[in-house]
Amino acid sequence: MPRRSAVDPIAALRHGGFLLYLIGGLISNAGSQMRIVAVQWDIYTRNPDPIFLGYIGLTLVLPVILFALPAGAAADRFSRRWLILIAQVGLAGCAVGLAWASWTRAPLLLMYLLLFGTGTFRALGWPASTAIVAGLVPAKTFSNAAMWRSNTYQLASTLGPLAGGFLLAWWNPVIVYLLDAASSLVLATCMLFVRPRLQTKAIEPKSWRGVLQGIHFLRRQPIILATMTLDMVAVLFGGVVALLPIFATEVLAVGPAGLGWMRAMPSVGSICMGVVLAMRPPIQRGGRTILLTVVAFGVATIVFAMSKSIGVSLFALFALGAADNISVVIRQTVLQLMTPDSMRGRVTAVSVIFIGSSNELGEFESGVAAKLLGLVPSVVFGGVMSLLSVPAVAVLFPQLLRLGSLEHLQPTDPDEVVV
């Protein structure tokens, strides 16, 4: 009986450029998560109407919808490293603006305008930030790189909200915004020293046809579309993040420090699951696994909605994050390895619109649903929608059930039509 090859849990970390990028991203994302907690608390204390929490997500998502496709085209034509650097400098400027607006008690409209600027620079750097990973590690270790990238993001999503919650309890949002600005400059500095492999530049004419090429490619890739659809529905309807300040104050009465723990717990679950994934061979039945993780995500969302205990609530958020990490690793691996390098920026941009924007649209949906249906029913509704997406996707995209091992995925010919 042949021996199974040893699993190297840190295969991707042995590549110095990826490690440096990962460290800078960890610091920058931690600052961003601190900013989110501060903005939610800042605005909620000035106007407790849940719709104003929803407006935060709407303000952040509009630039993504407007600018992600051109940013994806830019990521396929220009240096992805420099696009990330420029975006981080812009994010730092917006964070300084938020600090000034909070200190002077400027009108909420100004804060929303600065958040729109934040969303604009996120849209600029997002496709490049994802597409550059394939140029920092070999294809055979990409699944491991996707896992570590997800883990560091979740670690940032753990440390950031915790730090943000405690800083809000001790000081005020101004300090949080300034620390966020500094964290963006750290990643910008790291990008000066990262040297990815020479990327394959896009050769299409500089026109809207070239910009939209990512959409045309994805229309012929049912497996990628299926994984994106599952994630999109889960984050659009199943997200509870925007409503956590209300749960922290009105349901569980745990204050800003408790809010920090609640924001962090999904990431704790994700990190723990990431450790498990790192110690195991690559996922062998990717299609079936992602369907089961969305089921777990929906159940955990419903449990959180019904809970009146901080312990049960934290456990539900932990389980929700653990399930989400598996889904993210599968989706990112499928998306990046089945996409040719010359199109990764544009295809990632489409993913950003469908998945990334769904996070903020989900926050807006949560605010509107909570206002119309009530707090608990709105979250239960989101969990049920996540559960219903599983059989729907399985029927619409039967190819997903045939998705097996992630380590053998290959780029698809852009002109190949999958039937």
Protein backbone atom coordinates (compact mmCIF):
# COMPACT_ATOMS: atom_id res chain seq x y z
CA MET A 1 0.00 0.00 0.00
CA PRO A 2 1.67 3.33 -1.06
CA ARG A 3 2.50 5.81 1.64
CA ARG A 4 0.73 9.14 1.53
CA SER A 5 3.06 12.07 1.02
CA ALA A 6 3.61 14.25 4.07
CA VAL A 7 1.51 17.38 4.29
CA ASP A 8 3.49 20.63 4.55
CA PRO A 9 1.17 23.02 6.43
CA ILE A 10 3.41 26.03 5.77
CA ALA A 11 4.31 25.37 2.13
CA ALA A 12 3.16 28.81 0.95
CA LEU A 13 4.89 30.61 3.84
CA ARG A 14 8.27 29.38 2.60
CA HIS A 15 8.03 31.94 -0.22
CA GLY A 16 9.36 35.23 1.13
CA GLY A 17 7.33 37.57 -1.07
CA PHE A 18 4.07 35.89 -0.12
CA LEU A 19 5.02 35.95 3.58
CA LEU A 20 5.81 39.68 3.48
CA TYR A 21 2.56 40.37 1.62
CA LEU A 22 0.68 38.29 4.17
CA ILE A 23 2.18 40.16 7.15
CA GLY A 24 1.39 43.55 5.63
CA GLY A 25 -2.13 42.39 4.80
CA LEU A 26 -2.63 41.14 8.35
CA ILE A 27 -1.75 44.54 9.80
CA SER A 28 -3.77 46.48 7.23
CA ASN A 29 -6.85 44.27 7.58
CA ALA A 30 -6.67 44.46 11.37
CA GLY A 31 -6.79 48.25 11.07
CA SER A 32 -9.73 48.03 8.68
CA GLN A 33 -11.64 45.80 11.09
CA MET A 34 -10.95 48.25 13.91
CA ARG A 35 -12.31 51.03 11.71
CA ILE A 36 -15.52 49.10 10.97
CA VAL A 37 -16.24 48.63 14.68
CA ALA A 38 -15.48 52.30 15.36
CA VAL A 39 -17.67 53.56 12.51
CA GLN A 40 -20.59 51.36 13.54
CA TRP A 41 -20.33 52.46 17.17
CA ASP A 42 -19.70 56.09 16.25
CA ILE A 43 -22.77 56.31 14.03
CA TYR A 44 -25.01 54.15 16.24
CA THR A 45 -24.36 56.32 19.31
CA ARG A 46 -25.27 59.41 17.31
CA ASN A 47 -28.36 57.88 15.68
CA PRO A 48 -29.63 54.50 17.00
CA ASP A 49 -31.96 53.88 14.05
CA PRO A 50 -30.80 50.51 12.52
CA ILE A 51 -31.22 51.89 9.01
CA PHE A 52 -28.21 54.15 9.60
CA LEU A 53 -26.09 51.05 10.27
CA GLY A 54 -27.37 49.69 6.97
CA TYR A 55 -26.32 52.90 5.23
CA ILE A 56 -22.70 52.11 6.18
CA GLY A 57 -22.74 48.97 4.06
CA LEU A 58 -24.55 50.70 1.22
CA THR A 59 -22.00 53.53 1.16
CA LEU A 60 -19.11 51.07 1.06
CA VAL A 61 -20.60 48.87 -1.64
CA LEU A 62 -21.55 51.50 -4.23
CA PRO A 63 -17.92 52.23 -5.24
CA VAL A 64 -17.26 48.50 -5.56
CA ILE A 65 -20.17 48.11 -7.97
CA LEU A 66 -19.12 51.19 -9.93
CA PHE A 67 -15.36 50.74 -10.09
CA ALA A 68 -14.48 47.06 -9.57
CA LEU A 69 -14.62 46.10 -13.27
CA PRO A 70 -12.30 48.93 -14.42
CA ALA A 71 -10.02 48.12 -11.46
CA GLY A 72 -9.93 44.48 -12.56
CA ALA A 73 -8.98 45.51 -16.10
CA ALA A 74 -6.24 47.71 -14.65
CA ALA A 75 -4.95 44.76 -12.61
CA ASP A 76 -4.49 42.80 -15.85
CA ARG A 77 -2.71 45.67 -17.65
CA PHE A 78 -0.61 47.37 -14.98
CA SER A 79 1.53 46.36 -12.04
CA ARG A 80 -0.69 44.75 -9.42
CA ARG A 81 1.90 45.62 -6.79
CA TRP A 82 1.67 49.35 -7.49
CA LEU A 83 -2.11 49.32 -7.64
CA ILE A 84 -2.18 47.82 -4.14
CA LEU A 85 0.27 50.44 -2.89
CA ILE A 86 -1.74 53.36 -4.31
CA ALA A 87 -4.97 51.95 -2.86
CA GLN A 88 -3.45 51.64 0.61
CA VAL A 89 -2.20 55.22 0.59
CA GLY A 90 -5.71 56.36 -0.39
CA LEU A 91 -7.26 54.30 2.42
CA ALA A 92 -4.88 55.93 4.90
CA GLY A 93 -6.04 59.38 3.76
CA CYS A 94 -9.72 58.45 4.21
CA ALA A 95 -9.01 57.10 7.71
CA VAL A 96 -7.38 60.39 8.70
CA GLY A 97 -10.47 62.17 7.36
CA LEU A 98 -12.73 59.99 9.51
CA ALA A 99 -10.63 60.84 12.57
CA TRP A 100 -11.08 64.55 11.88
CA ALA A 101 -14.82 64.17 11.24
CA SER A 102 -15.28 62.25 14.48
CA TRP A 103 -13.19 64.69 16.53
CA THR A 104 -15.10 67.73 15.25
CA ARG A 105 -18.51 65.97 15.38
CA ALA A 106 -18.97 66.74 11.70
CA PRO A 107 -22.33 65.89 10.10
CA LEU A 108 -22.95 62.20 9.44
CA LEU A 109 -23.12 62.98 5.73
CA LEU A 110 -19.40 63.78 5.75
CA MET A 111 -18.63 60.46 7.43
CA TYR A 112 -20.62 58.64 4.78
CA LEU A 113 -18.72 60.54 2.05
CA LEU A 114 -15.42 59.47 3.58
CA LEU A 115 -16.68 55.90 3.72
CA PHE A 116 -17.51 56.20 0.02
CA GLY A 117 -13.88 57.20 -0.54
CA THR A 118 -12.80 54.18 1.49
CA GLY A 119 -14.93 51.96 -0.73
CA THR A 120 -13.43 53.53 -3.84
CA PHE A 121 -9.85 52.75 -2.84
CA ARG A 122 -10.87 49.26 -1.72
CA ALA A 123 -12.36 48.71 -5.17
CA LEU A 124 -9.12 49.88 -6.79
CA GLY A 125 -6.88 47.52 -4.84
CA TRP A 126 -9.13 44.51 -4.32
CA PRO A 127 -8.75 42.71 -7.69
CA ALA A 128 -4.99 43.27 -7.69
CA SER A 129 -4.68 42.07 -4.08
CA THR A 130 -6.31 38.75 -4.92
CA ALA A 131 -4.77 38.22 -8.35
CA ILE A 132 -1.21 38.90 -7.17
CA VAL A 133 -1.17 35.79 -4.95
CA ALA A 134 -0.86 33.46 -7.96
CA GLY A 135 2.35 35.31 -8.85
CA LEU A 136 3.86 34.82 -5.38
CA VAL A 137 3.54 31.03 -4.98
CA PRO A 138 3.65 28.00 -7.31
CA ALA A 139 0.31 26.64 -8.53
CA LYS A 140 0.70 23.43 -6.52
CA THR A 141 0.76 25.38 -3.24
CA PHE A 142 -1.98 27.85 -4.12
CA SER A 143 -4.61 26.03 -2.06
CA ASN A 144 -2.28 26.30 0.93
CA ALA A 145 -1.72 30.00 0.14
CA ALA A 146 -5.49 30.59 -0.09
CA MET A 147 -5.90 28.92 3.30
CA TRP A 148 -3.19 31.08 4.90
CA ARG A 149 -4.57 34.22 3.29
CA SER A 150 -8.00 33.39 4.66
CA ASN A 151 -6.51 32.64 8.07
CA THR A 152 -4.59 35.89 8.29
CA TYR A 153 -7.69 37.81 7.23
CA GLN A 154 -9.65 36.05 9.93
CA LEU A 155 -6.89 36.68 12.46
CA ALA A 156 -7.11 40.35 11.54
CA SER A 157 -10.88 40.08 11.90
CA THR A 158 -10.31 38.71 15.41
CA LEU A 159 -7.66 41.11 16.64
CA GLY A 160 -9.12 44.17 14.94
CA PRO A 161 -12.62 44.09 16.48
CA LEU A 162 -11.23 43.14 19.90
CA ALA A 163 -8.74 46.00 19.82
CA GLY A 164 -11.35 48.35 18.40
CA GLY A 165 -13.89 47.43 21.08
CA PHE A 166 -11.44 47.95 23.94
CA LEU A 167 -10.13 51.21 22.47
CA LEU A 168 -13.70 52.48 22.17
CA ALA A 169 -14.32 51.55 25.80
CA TRP A 170 -11.17 53.32 27.00
CA TRP A 171 -10.84 56.24 24.59
CA ASN A 172 -12.77 57.27 21.49
CA PRO A 173 -13.08 56.45 17.77
CA VAL A 174 -10.46 59.03 16.77
CA ILE A 175 -7.62 56.82 18.05
CA VAL A 176 -9.02 53.85 16.15
CA TYR A 177 -9.21 55.77 12.86
CA LEU A 178 -5.60 56.99 13.18
CA LEU A 179 -4.35 53.47 13.91
CA ASP A 180 -6.22 52.29 10.82
CA ALA A 181 -4.42 54.91 8.73
CA ALA A 182 -1.05 53.74 10.05
CA SER A 183 -1.89 50.10 9.29
CA SER A 184 -2.63 50.92 5.63
CA LEU A 185 0.76 52.60 5.31
CA VAL A 186 2.42 49.44 6.66
CA LEU A 187 1.06 47.34 3.78
CA ALA A 188 1.97 50.08 1.31
CA THR A 189 5.56 49.91 2.57
CA CYS A 190 5.63 46.10 2.34
CA MET A 191 4.57 46.26 -1.30
CA LEU A 192 7.74 48.20 -2.10
CA PHE A 193 9.73 45.04 -1.33
CA VAL A 194 7.44 42.35 -2.80
CA ARG A 195 8.60 40.98 -6.15
CA PRO A 196 5.94 38.78 -7.82
CA ARG A 197 6.64 36.77 -10.96
CA LEU A 198 6.21 38.66 -14.20
CA GLN A 199 2.48 38.69 -14.85
CA THR A 200 0.90 37.85 -18.20
CA LYS A 201 -0.54 41.15 -19.39
CA ALA A 202 -3.91 41.39 -21.09
CA ILE A 203 -3.73 41.75 -24.88
CA GLU A 204 -7.33 42.79 -25.56
CA PRO A 205 -7.92 46.32 -26.90
CA LYS A 206 -8.41 49.06 -24.33
CA SER A 207 -12.19 49.13 -24.51
CA TRP A 208 -15.26 48.17 -22.54
CA ARG A 209 -15.19 44.84 -24.34
CA GLY A 210 -11.88 44.06 -22.66
CA VAL A 211 -13.21 45.25 -19.29
CA LEU A 212 -16.24 42.95 -19.60
CA GLN A 213 -14.18 39.94 -20.69
CA GLY A 214 -14.23 38.57 -17.15
CA ILE A 215 -18.03 38.35 -17.23
CA HIS A 216 -17.97 36.53 -20.59
CA PHE A 217 -15.41 34.07 -19.23
CA LEU A 218 -17.41 33.31 -16.08
CA ARG A 219 -20.60 32.71 -18.04
CA ARG A 220 -18.93 29.58 -19.44
CA GLN A 221 -17.60 28.31 -16.08
CA PRO A 222 -20.42 26.64 -14.14
CA ILE A 223 -18.22 25.40 -11.28
CA ILE A 224 -16.85 28.89 -10.56
CA LEU A 225 -20.34 30.37 -10.88
CA ALA A 226 -21.76 27.80 -8.47
CA THR A 227 -19.20 28.52 -5.74
CA MET A 228 -19.69 32.27 -6.18
CA THR A 229 -23.48 31.93 -6.01
CA LEU A 230 -23.36 29.97 -2.76
CA ASP A 231 -21.08 32.52 -1.14
CA MET A 232 -23.09 35.45 -2.47
CA VAL A 233 -26.42 34.21 -1.08
CA ALA A 234 -24.87 33.33 2.29
CA VAL A 235 -23.27 36.73 2.83
CA LEU A 236 -26.16 38.68 1.30
CA PHE A 237 -28.91 37.16 3.43
CA GLY A 238 -27.06 35.35 6.21
CA GLY A 239 -24.82 38.17 7.43
CA VAL A 240 -25.46 39.41 10.96
CA VAL A 241 -22.44 41.69 11.31
CA ALA A 242 -24.27 44.98 10.77
CA LEU A 243 -26.77 44.17 13.52
CA LEU A 244 -24.24 43.14 16.18
CA PRO A 245 -24.30 46.56 17.92
CA ILE A 246 -28.06 46.09 18.47
CA PHE A 247 -27.64 42.51 19.74
CA ALA A 248 -24.82 43.71 22.01
CA THR A 249 -26.94 46.47 23.58
CA GLU A 250 -30.59 45.41 23.40
CA VAL A 251 -30.49 41.58 23.43
CA LEU A 252 -27.35 40.54 25.30
CA ALA A 253 -26.45 43.80 27.14
CA VAL A 254 -22.69 43.32 26.83
CA GLY A 255 -21.60 46.84 25.72
CA PRO A 256 -18.74 47.78 23.38
CA ALA A 257 -16.29 45.24 24.80
CA GLY A 258 -18.85 42.49 24.23
CA LEU A 259 -19.41 43.83 20.72
CA GLY A 260 -15.69 43.40 20.08
CA TRP A 261 -15.86 39.75 21.18
CA MET A 262 -18.95 39.13 19.05
CA ARG A 263 -17.27 40.68 15.99
CA ALA A 264 -14.17 38.60 16.63
CA MET A 265 -15.76 35.20 17.27
CA PRO A 266 -16.51 34.27 13.62
CA SER A 267 -12.85 34.87 12.91
CA VAL A 268 -11.77 32.72 15.85
CA GLY A 269 -13.83 29.89 14.38
CA SER A 270 -12.33 30.51 10.97
CA ILE A 271 -8.78 30.44 12.31
CA CYS A 272 -9.37 27.18 14.18
CA MET A 273 -10.80 25.62 11.03
CA GLY A 274 -7.82 26.97 9.09
CA VAL A 275 -5.43 25.13 11.41
CA VAL A 276 -7.39 21.93 10.76
CA LEU A 277 -7.24 22.49 6.99
CA ALA A 278 -3.49 23.18 7.14
CA MET A 279 -2.80 19.86 8.84
CA ARG A 280 -4.86 17.85 6.37
CA PRO A 281 -4.32 17.01 2.67
CA PRO A 282 -6.06 19.26 0.13
CA ILE A 283 -9.84 18.90 0.04
CA GLN A 284 -10.73 15.92 -2.16
CA ARG A 285 -14.48 16.41 -2.64
CA GLY A 286 -14.71 20.14 -3.13
CA GLY A 287 -18.26 20.29 -4.50
CA ARG A 288 -19.93 18.26 -1.78
CA THR A 289 -17.87 19.96 0.92
CA ILE A 290 -18.85 23.51 -0.03
CA LEU A 291 -22.55 22.57 -0.09
CA LEU A 292 -22.32 21.11 3.42
CA THR A 293 -20.49 24.17 4.76
CA VAL A 294 -23.27 26.48 3.54
CA VAL A 295 -25.79 24.29 5.38
CA ALA A 296 -23.73 24.64 8.56
CA PHE A 297 -23.52 28.41 7.99
CA GLY A 298 -27.31 28.73 7.72
CA VAL A 299 -27.98 26.63 10.83
CA ALA A 300 -25.45 28.63 12.87
CA THR A 301 -27.09 31.89 11.75
CA ILE A 302 -30.52 30.71 12.94
CA VAL A 303 -29.10 29.54 16.30
CA PHE A 304 -27.49 32.95 16.83
CA ALA A 305 -30.75 34.74 16.04
CA MET A 306 -32.72 32.70 18.59
CA SER A 307 -30.12 32.84 21.38
CA LYS A 308 -30.55 34.89 24.53
CA SER A 309 -27.26 33.71 26.05
CA ILE A 310 -23.91 35.33 25.29
CA GLY A 311 -22.23 31.90 25.48
CA VAL A 312 -24.57 30.32 22.93
CA SER A 313 -24.32 33.40 20.72
CA LEU A 314 -20.54 33.32 20.72
CA PHE A 315 -20.52 29.59 19.94
CA ALA A 316 -22.93 30.11 17.03
CA LEU A 317 -20.71 32.88 15.65
CA PHE A 318 -17.69 30.58 16.09
CA ALA A 319 -19.40 27.80 14.08
CA LEU A 320 -20.50 30.29 11.44
CA GLY A 321 -16.92 31.45 10.92
CA ALA A 322 -15.53 27.90 10.81
CA ALA A 323 -17.96 26.92 8.06
CA ASP A 324 -17.28 30.12 6.13
CA ASN A 325 -13.52 29.51 6.04
CA ILE A 326 -13.93 26.19 4.24
CA SER A 327 -16.18 27.86 1.68
CA VAL A 328 -13.71 30.70 1.13
CA VAL A 329 -10.74 28.37 0.59
CA ILE A 330 -12.65 26.28 -1.96
CA ARG A 331 -14.03 29.31 -3.82
CA GLN A 332 -10.70 31.16 -3.97
CA THR A 333 -8.80 28.07 -5.10
CA VAL A 334 -11.33 27.27 -7.82
CA LEU A 335 -11.50 30.89 -8.97
CA GLN A 336 -7.77 31.54 -9.19
CA LEU A 337 -6.53 28.19 -10.50
CA MET A 338 -9.21 27.77 -13.17
CA THR A 339 -8.62 31.34 -14.48
CA PRO A 340 -5.75 32.21 -16.88
CA ASP A 341 -3.26 34.70 -15.41
CA SER A 342 -4.01 37.29 -18.11
CA MET A 343 -7.64 37.42 -16.92
CA ARG A 344 -7.27 37.02 -13.14
CA GLY A 345 -7.75 40.71 -12.43
CA ARG A 346 -10.99 40.99 -14.42
CA VAL A 347 -12.42 37.69 -13.19
CA THR A 348 -11.53 38.63 -9.61
CA ALA A 349 -13.29 41.97 -10.16
CA VAL A 350 -16.51 40.14 -11.04
CA SER A 351 -16.08 38.06 -7.90
CA VAL A 352 -15.56 41.25 -5.90
CA ILE A 353 -18.85 42.63 -7.19
CA PHE A 354 -20.78 39.44 -6.49
CA ILE A 355 -19.11 38.40 -3.22
CA GLY A 356 -17.38 41.47 -1.82
CA SER A 357 -20.28 43.77 -2.51
CA SER A 358 -22.66 41.20 -1.07
CA ASN A 359 -21.05 41.74 2.33
CA GLU A 360 -21.95 45.43 2.32
CA LEU A 361 -25.27 44.88 0.55
CA GLY A 362 -25.95 42.23 3.16
CA GLU A 363 -25.36 44.82 5.86
CA PHE A 364 -27.82 47.16 4.16
CA GLU A 365 -30.30 44.30 3.72
CA SER A 366 -29.89 43.43 7.41
CA GLY A 367 -30.67 46.99 8.45
CA VAL A 368 -33.74 47.20 6.22
CA ALA A 369 -34.98 43.72 7.19
CA ALA A 370 -34.53 44.47 10.90
CA LYS A 371 -36.56 47.64 10.51
CA LEU A 372 -39.37 45.87 8.57
CA LEU A 373 -39.43 42.40 10.15
CA GLY A 374 -37.86 42.97 13.54
CA LEU A 375 -34.38 42.10 14.75
CA VAL A 376 -34.64 38.33 15.37
CA PRO A 377 -36.99 37.45 12.47
CA SER A 378 -34.70 39.24 10.00
CA VAL A 379 -31.69 37.13 11.01
CA VAL A 380 -33.72 33.90 10.99
CA PHE A 381 -34.86 34.80 7.47
CA GLY A 382 -31.22 35.15 6.40
CA GLY A 383 -30.32 31.73 7.78
CA VAL A 384 -33.26 30.11 6.00
CA MET A 385 -32.26 31.73 2.70
CA SER A 386 -28.74 30.29 3.08
CA LEU A 387 -30.21 26.82 3.59
CA LEU A 388 -32.49 27.13 0.56
CA SER A 389 -29.56 28.14 -1.66
CA VAL A 390 -27.95 24.69 -1.28
CA PRO A 391 -30.55 22.58 -3.14
CA ALA A 392 -31.11 25.40 -5.63
CA VAL A 393 -27.42 25.57 -6.61
CA ALA A 394 -27.11 21.77 -6.67
CA VAL A 395 -29.94 21.63 -9.23
CA LEU A 396 -28.84 24.63 -11.32
CA PHE A 397 -25.15 23.64 -11.40
CA PRO A 398 -24.90 19.82 -11.30
CA GLN A 399 -21.23 20.11 -12.37
CA LEU A 400 -20.42 21.31 -8.84
CA LEU A 401 -21.16 17.88 -7.35
CA ARG A 402 -18.48 16.44 -9.64
CA LEU A 403 -15.80 18.82 -8.34
CA GLY A 404 -13.15 16.66 -6.67
CA SER A 405 -9.60 17.39 -5.54
CA LEU A 406 -8.53 21.05 -5.48
CA GLU A 407 -4.82 20.35 -6.03
CA HIS A 408 -5.32 19.19 -9.63
CA LEU A 409 -7.24 22.21 -10.95
CA GLN A 410 -5.90 23.77 -14.15
CA PRO A 411 -6.56 27.10 -15.92
CA THR A 412 -9.42 26.94 -18.41
CA ASP A 413 -9.02 28.10 -22.00
CA PRO A 414 -10.82 31.48 -22.21
CA ASP A 415 -12.47 30.35 -25.45
CA GLU A 416 -13.57 26.97 -24.13
CA VAL A 417 -17.31 26.61 -23.71
CA VAL A 418 -18.39 24.35 -20.87
CA VAL A 419 -21.74 22.60 -21.38
